[in-house]
Amino acid sequence: MKILKIDHLGIAVNSIDGGKAFWSDTLGLNFEGAETVAEQKVTTAFFPVGESEVELLESTAPDGPVAKFIEKKGPGFQHVAFRVANIEEALAELKEKNIQLIDEKPRIGAGGAKIAFLHPKATGGYSQEEPIMSEHADLKKWQEVAEKQMKGKPLENLEWQTPEGIR
């Protein structure tokens, strides 16, 4: 498995709007947009930093993984995501090495990226870090994934927020 780069750092927040004030206004980072990933009960917002990004994660449900994380540990650093060329191969290699995985098969994350979480115990006991492997889709692939997720519904039903607002 070859890790290509740190894709993003995930930060659990109570409010993306509150987080935007710090990351955009204070630090001057560009707000790329927000997206709700219903299956994961989360809304995400991205701020590019060089070749990586900061991702804010706001739970959309009290029983969502981000809500549970915040309840247990408080808002803050939740995960680091590594970009790999082929996530299925990376997961197979990790499984072969007896690394405990949360996801044995990739799921679809924000922006149509294939993602998979490693169990925190597999990372040497880091209690606040859940590294994920990520293989980003290009725009055409993202559209295909989005259409599959929408099960034939028009893509305009997707909620995507740009700096100008929800479109």
C-alpha atoms as a PDB file:
ATOM      1  CA  MET A   1       0.000   0.000   0.000  1.00  0.00           C
ATOM      2  CA  LYS A   2       1.295   3.401  -0.896  1.00  0.00           C
ATOM      3  CA  ILE A   3       0.016   6.442   0.946  1.00  0.00           C
ATOM      4  CA  LEU A   4       0.058   9.332  -1.518  1.00  0.00           C
ATOM      5  CA  LYS A   5      -0.565  12.189   0.913  1.00  0.00           C
ATOM      6  CA  ILE A   6      -2.581  13.376   3.870  1.00  0.00           C
ATOM      7  CA  ASP A   7      -5.932  13.999   2.225  1.00  0.00           C
ATOM      8  CA  HIS A   8      -7.562  15.904   5.061  1.00  0.00           C
ATOM      9  CA  LEU A   9      -7.848  16.375   8.802  1.00  0.00           C
ATOM     10  CA  GLY A  10     -11.328  15.857  10.234  1.00  0.00           C
ATOM     11  CA  ILE A  11     -12.481  18.082  13.075  1.00  0.00           C
ATOM     12  CA  ALA A  12     -15.739  17.389  14.913  1.00  0.00           C
ATOM     13  CA  VAL A  13     -17.675  20.592  15.634  1.00  0.00           C
ATOM     14  CA  ASN A  14     -20.997  21.497  17.202  1.00  0.00           C
ATOM     15  CA  SER A  15     -21.711  23.942  14.380  1.00  0.00           C
ATOM     16  CA  ILE A  16     -20.181  24.343  10.940  1.00  0.00           C
ATOM     17  CA  ASP A  17     -21.318  27.966  10.902  1.00  0.00           C
ATOM     18  CA  GLY A  18     -19.393  28.581  14.123  1.00  0.00           C
ATOM     19  CA  GLY A  19     -16.377  26.756  12.721  1.00  0.00           C
ATOM     20  CA  LYS A  20     -16.462  28.728   9.471  1.00  0.00           C
ATOM     21  CA  ALA A  21     -15.914  31.947  11.394  1.00  0.00           C
ATOM     22  CA  PHE A  22     -12.594  30.669  12.740  1.00  0.00           C
ATOM     23  CA  TRP A  23     -11.287  28.819   9.688  1.00  0.00           C
ATOM     24  CA  SER A  24     -12.345  31.461   7.127  1.00  0.00           C
ATOM     25  CA  ASP A  25     -12.454  34.778   8.968  1.00  0.00           C
ATOM     26  CA  THR A  26      -9.613  34.246  11.431  1.00  0.00           C
ATOM     27  CA  LEU A  27      -7.243  32.035   9.441  1.00  0.00           C
ATOM     28  CA  GLY A  28      -8.256  33.263   5.992  1.00  0.00           C
ATOM     29  CA  LEU A  29      -8.885  29.816   4.520  1.00  0.00           C
ATOM     30  CA  ASN A  30     -11.269  29.531   1.587  1.00  0.00           C
ATOM     31  CA  PHE A  31     -14.586  27.843   2.420  1.00  0.00           C
ATOM     32  CA  GLU A  32     -15.052  25.321  -0.391  1.00  0.00           C
ATOM     33  CA  GLY A  33     -18.585  24.271   0.449  1.00  0.00           C
ATOM     34  CA  ALA A  34     -20.635  22.017   2.697  1.00  0.00           C
ATOM     35  CA  GLU A  35     -22.317  18.724   1.939  1.00  0.00           C
ATOM     36  CA  THR A  36     -24.685  16.523   3.905  1.00  0.00           C
ATOM     37  CA  VAL A  37     -23.847  12.813   3.808  1.00  0.00           C
ATOM     38  CA  ALA A  38     -27.137  11.332   5.013  1.00  0.00           C
ATOM     39  CA  GLU A  39     -25.840   7.761   5.411  1.00  0.00           C
ATOM     40  CA  GLN A  40     -23.204   8.969   7.875  1.00  0.00           C
ATOM     41  CA  LYS A  41     -25.535  11.437   9.623  1.00  0.00           C
ATOM     42  CA  VAL A  42     -23.092  14.286   9.073  1.00  0.00           C
ATOM     43  CA  THR A  43     -22.660  17.584   7.282  1.00  0.00           C
ATOM     44  CA  THR A  44     -19.111  18.307   6.161  1.00  0.00           C
ATOM     45  CA  ALA A  45     -17.372  21.544   5.198  1.00  0.00           C
ATOM     46  CA  PHE A  46     -13.981  21.746   3.502  1.00  0.00           C
ATOM     47  CA  PHE A  47     -11.200  24.333   3.683  1.00  0.00           C
ATOM     48  CA  PRO A  48      -8.217  23.707   1.355  1.00  0.00           C
ATOM     49  CA  VAL A  49      -4.728  24.063   2.839  1.00  0.00           C
ATOM     50  CA  GLY A  50      -2.039  23.469   0.222  1.00  0.00           C
ATOM     51  CA  GLU A  51      -2.601  19.994  -1.214  1.00  0.00           C
ATOM     52  CA  SER A  52      -4.688  18.895   1.792  1.00  0.00           C
ATOM     53  CA  GLU A  53      -7.867  20.098   3.435  1.00  0.00           C
ATOM     54  CA  VAL A  54      -9.418  20.697   6.817  1.00  0.00           C
ATOM     55  CA  GLU A  55     -12.831  19.038   7.084  1.00  0.00           C
ATOM     56  CA  LEU A  56     -15.356  20.198   9.670  1.00  0.00           C
ATOM     57  CA  LEU A  57     -17.896  17.555  10.707  1.00  0.00           C
ATOM     58  CA  GLU A  58     -21.270  18.472  12.213  1.00  0.00           C
ATOM     59  CA  SER A  59     -23.662  15.717  13.214  1.00  0.00           C
ATOM     60  CA  THR A  60     -27.144  15.762  11.724  1.00  0.00           C
ATOM     61  CA  ALA A  61     -28.539  13.313  14.307  1.00  0.00           C
ATOM     62  CA  PRO A  62     -28.010  12.724  18.036  1.00  0.00           C
ATOM     63  CA  ASP A  63     -27.133   9.070  17.365  1.00  0.00           C
ATOM     64  CA  GLY A  64     -24.636   9.838  14.581  1.00  0.00           C
ATOM     65  CA  PRO A  65     -20.947   8.951  14.925  1.00  0.00           C
ATOM     66  CA  VAL A  66     -19.862  12.594  15.167  1.00  0.00           C
ATOM     67  CA  ALA A  67     -22.462  13.319  17.876  1.00  0.00           C
ATOM     68  CA  LYS A  68     -21.240  10.272  19.825  1.00  0.00           C
ATOM     69  CA  PHE A  69     -17.622  11.406  19.393  1.00  0.00           C
ATOM     70  CA  ILE A  70     -18.421  14.910  20.689  1.00  0.00           C
ATOM     71  CA  GLU A  71     -20.460  13.496  23.585  1.00  0.00           C
ATOM     72  CA  LYS A  72     -17.548  11.287  24.647  1.00  0.00           C
ATOM     73  CA  LYS A  73     -14.542  13.497  23.889  1.00  0.00           C
ATOM     74  CA  GLY A  74     -15.854  16.982  23.097  1.00  0.00           C
ATOM     75  CA  PRO A  75     -15.367  18.913  19.862  1.00  0.00           C
ATOM     76  CA  GLY A  76     -11.944  18.643  18.281  1.00  0.00           C
ATOM     77  CA  PHE A  77      -9.639  16.553  16.138  1.00  0.00           C
ATOM     78  CA  GLN A  78     -11.425  13.372  15.052  1.00  0.00           C
ATOM     79  CA  HIS A  79      -9.454  11.774  12.219  1.00  0.00           C
ATOM     80  CA  VAL A  80      -6.667  11.992   9.691  1.00  0.00           C
ATOM     81  CA  ALA A  81      -7.415  10.751   6.174  1.00  0.00           C
ATOM     82  CA  PHE A  82      -4.689   9.349   3.954  1.00  0.00           C
ATOM     83  CA  ARG A  83      -5.076   9.368   0.171  1.00  0.00           C
ATOM     84  CA  VAL A  84      -4.276   6.036  -1.473  1.00  0.00           C
ATOM     85  CA  ALA A  85      -4.324   5.017  -5.124  1.00  0.00           C
ATOM     86  CA  ASN A  86      -6.572   1.988  -4.605  1.00  0.00           C
ATOM     87  CA  ILE A  87      -8.600   1.744  -1.420  1.00  0.00           C
ATOM     88  CA  GLU A  88      -9.707  -1.858  -1.970  1.00  0.00           C
ATOM     89  CA  GLU A  89      -6.064  -2.983  -2.262  1.00  0.00           C
ATOM     90  CA  ALA A  90      -5.119  -0.905   0.790  1.00  0.00           C
ATOM     91  CA  LEU A  91      -7.889  -2.492   2.872  1.00  0.00           C
ATOM     92  CA  ALA A  92      -6.930  -5.990   1.713  1.00  0.00           C
ATOM     93  CA  GLU A  93      -3.320  -5.346   2.712  1.00  0.00           C
ATOM     94  CA  LEU A  94      -4.327  -3.978   6.114  1.00  0.00           C
ATOM     95  CA  LYS A  95      -6.628  -6.950   6.711  1.00  0.00           C
ATOM     96  CA  GLU A  96      -3.773  -9.300   5.737  1.00  0.00           C
ATOM     97  CA  LYS A  97      -1.660  -7.568   8.398  1.00  0.00           C
ATOM     98  CA  ASN A  98      -4.441  -8.185  10.964  1.00  0.00           C
ATOM     99  CA  ILE A  99      -5.214  -4.489  11.320  1.00  0.00           C
ATOM    100  CA  GLN A 100      -8.615  -3.990  12.935  1.00  0.00           C
ATOM    101  CA  LEU A 101     -10.931  -2.172  10.541  1.00  0.00           C
ATOM    102  CA  ILE A 102     -14.256  -0.458  11.088  1.00  0.00           C
ATOM    103  CA  ASP A 103     -14.949  -0.770   7.355  1.00  0.00           C
ATOM    104  CA  GLU A 104     -13.772  -3.862   5.502  1.00  0.00           C
ATOM    105  CA  LYS A 105     -15.226  -2.441   2.298  1.00  0.00           C
ATOM    106  CA  PRO A 106     -15.205   1.221   1.266  1.00  0.00           C
ATOM    107  CA  ARG A 107     -18.259   3.390   1.721  1.00  0.00           C
ATOM    108  CA  ILE A 108     -19.019   6.654  -0.031  1.00  0.00           C
ATOM    109  CA  GLY A 109     -18.105   9.836   1.806  1.00  0.00           C
ATOM    110  CA  ALA A 110     -18.298  13.527   1.022  1.00  0.00           C
ATOM    111  CA  GLY A 111     -17.664  14.474  -2.581  1.00  0.00           C
ATOM    112  CA  GLY A 112     -18.116  10.893  -3.738  1.00  0.00           C
ATOM    113  CA  ALA A 113     -14.834   9.772  -2.184  1.00  0.00           C
ATOM    114  CA  LYS A 114     -14.431   6.115  -1.285  1.00  0.00           C
ATOM    115  CA  ILE A 115     -13.547   5.987   2.404  1.00  0.00           C
ATOM    116  CA  ALA A 116     -12.901   3.352   5.050  1.00  0.00           C
ATOM    117  CA  PHE A 117     -12.163   3.788   8.741  1.00  0.00           C
ATOM    118  CA  LEU A 118      -9.497   1.906  10.660  1.00  0.00           C
ATOM    119  CA  HIS A 119     -10.348   1.076  14.264  1.00  0.00           C
ATOM    120  CA  PRO A 120      -8.672   3.466  16.754  1.00  0.00           C
ATOM    121  CA  LYS A 121      -7.144   0.456  18.538  1.00  0.00           C
ATOM    122  CA  ALA A 122      -5.262  -0.363  15.330  1.00  0.00           C
ATOM    123  CA  THR A 123      -3.402   2.948  15.432  1.00  0.00           C
ATOM    124  CA  GLY A 124      -1.494   2.318  18.633  1.00  0.00           C
ATOM    125  CA  GLY A 125      -4.241   3.349  21.004  1.00  0.00           C
ATOM    126  CA  TYR A 126      -4.748   6.916  19.815  1.00  0.00           C
ATOM    127  CA  SER A 127      -8.103   7.493  21.371  1.00  0.00           C
ATOM    128  CA  GLN A 128      -9.024  10.573  19.361  1.00  0.00           C
ATOM    129  CA  GLU A 129      -7.785   9.516  15.956  1.00  0.00           C
ATOM    130  CA  GLU A 130      -9.580   7.287  13.543  1.00  0.00           C
ATOM    131  CA  PRO A 131      -7.429   7.259  10.435  1.00  0.00           C
ATOM    132  CA  ILE A 132      -9.299   6.678   7.240  1.00  0.00           C
ATOM    133  CA  MET A 133      -8.134   5.669   3.831  1.00  0.00           C
ATOM    134  CA  SER A 134      -9.557   7.753   1.022  1.00  0.00           C
ATOM    135  CA  GLU A 135      -9.659   7.404  -2.739  1.00  0.00           C
ATOM    136  CA  HIS A 136     -11.210  10.509  -4.256  1.00  0.00           C
ATOM    137  CA  ALA A 137     -13.406  10.222  -7.275  1.00  0.00           C
ATOM    138  CA  ASP A 138     -13.064  12.594 -10.169  1.00  0.00           C
ATOM    139  CA  LEU A 139     -16.139  14.677 -11.057  1.00  0.00           C
ATOM    140  CA  LYS A 140     -17.506  12.164 -13.576  1.00  0.00           C
ATOM    141  CA  LYS A 141     -17.166   9.349 -11.051  1.00  0.00           C
ATOM    142  CA  TRP A 142     -18.740  11.538  -8.361  1.00  0.00           C
ATOM    143  CA  GLN A 143     -21.750  12.152 -10.599  1.00  0.00           C
ATOM    144  CA  GLU A 144     -22.111   8.396 -11.201  1.00  0.00           C
ATOM    145  CA  VAL A 145     -21.899   7.723  -7.467  1.00  0.00           C
ATOM    146  CA  ALA A 146     -24.356  10.498  -6.666  1.00  0.00           C
ATOM    147  CA  GLU A 147     -26.845   9.167  -9.209  1.00  0.00           C
ATOM    148  CA  LYS A 148     -26.586   5.682  -7.686  1.00  0.00           C
ATOM    149  CA  GLN A 149     -27.055   7.098  -4.187  1.00  0.00           C
ATOM    150  CA  MET A 150     -30.080   9.077  -5.329  1.00  0.00           C
ATOM    151  CA  LYS A 151     -31.527   5.879  -6.896  1.00  0.00           C
ATOM    152  CA  GLY A 152     -32.759   7.608 -10.029  1.00  0.00           C
ATOM    153  CA  LYS A 153     -33.852  10.844  -8.356  1.00  0.00           C
ATOM    154  CA  PRO A 154     -32.660  14.030 -10.076  1.00  0.00           C
ATOM    155  CA  LEU A 155     -29.298  15.325  -8.901  1.00  0.00           C
ATOM    156  CA  GLU A 156     -30.840  18.673  -8.021  1.00  0.00           C
ATOM    157  CA  ASN A 157     -32.238  16.900  -4.941  1.00  0.00           C
ATOM    158  CA  LEU A 158     -28.708  16.747  -3.527  1.00  0.00           C
ATOM    159  CA  GLU A 159     -28.056  19.383  -0.894  1.00  0.00           C
ATOM    160  CA  TRP A 160     -24.731  21.081  -1.603  1.00  0.00           C
ATOM    161  CA  GLN A 161     -23.768  24.366  -0.033  1.00  0.00           C
ATOM    162  CA  THR A 162     -21.270  26.629  -1.746  1.00  0.00           C
ATOM    163  CA  PRO A 163     -19.842  29.839  -0.267  1.00  0.00           C
ATOM    164  CA  GLU A 164     -22.774  31.594  -1.972  1.00  0.00           C
ATOM    165  CA  GLY A 165     -25.345  29.365  -0.230  1.00  0.00           C
ATOM    166  CA  ILE A 166     -27.237  26.133  -0.761  1.00  0.00           C
ATOM    167  CA  ARG A 167     -27.808  25.186  -4.383  1.00  0.00           C
END
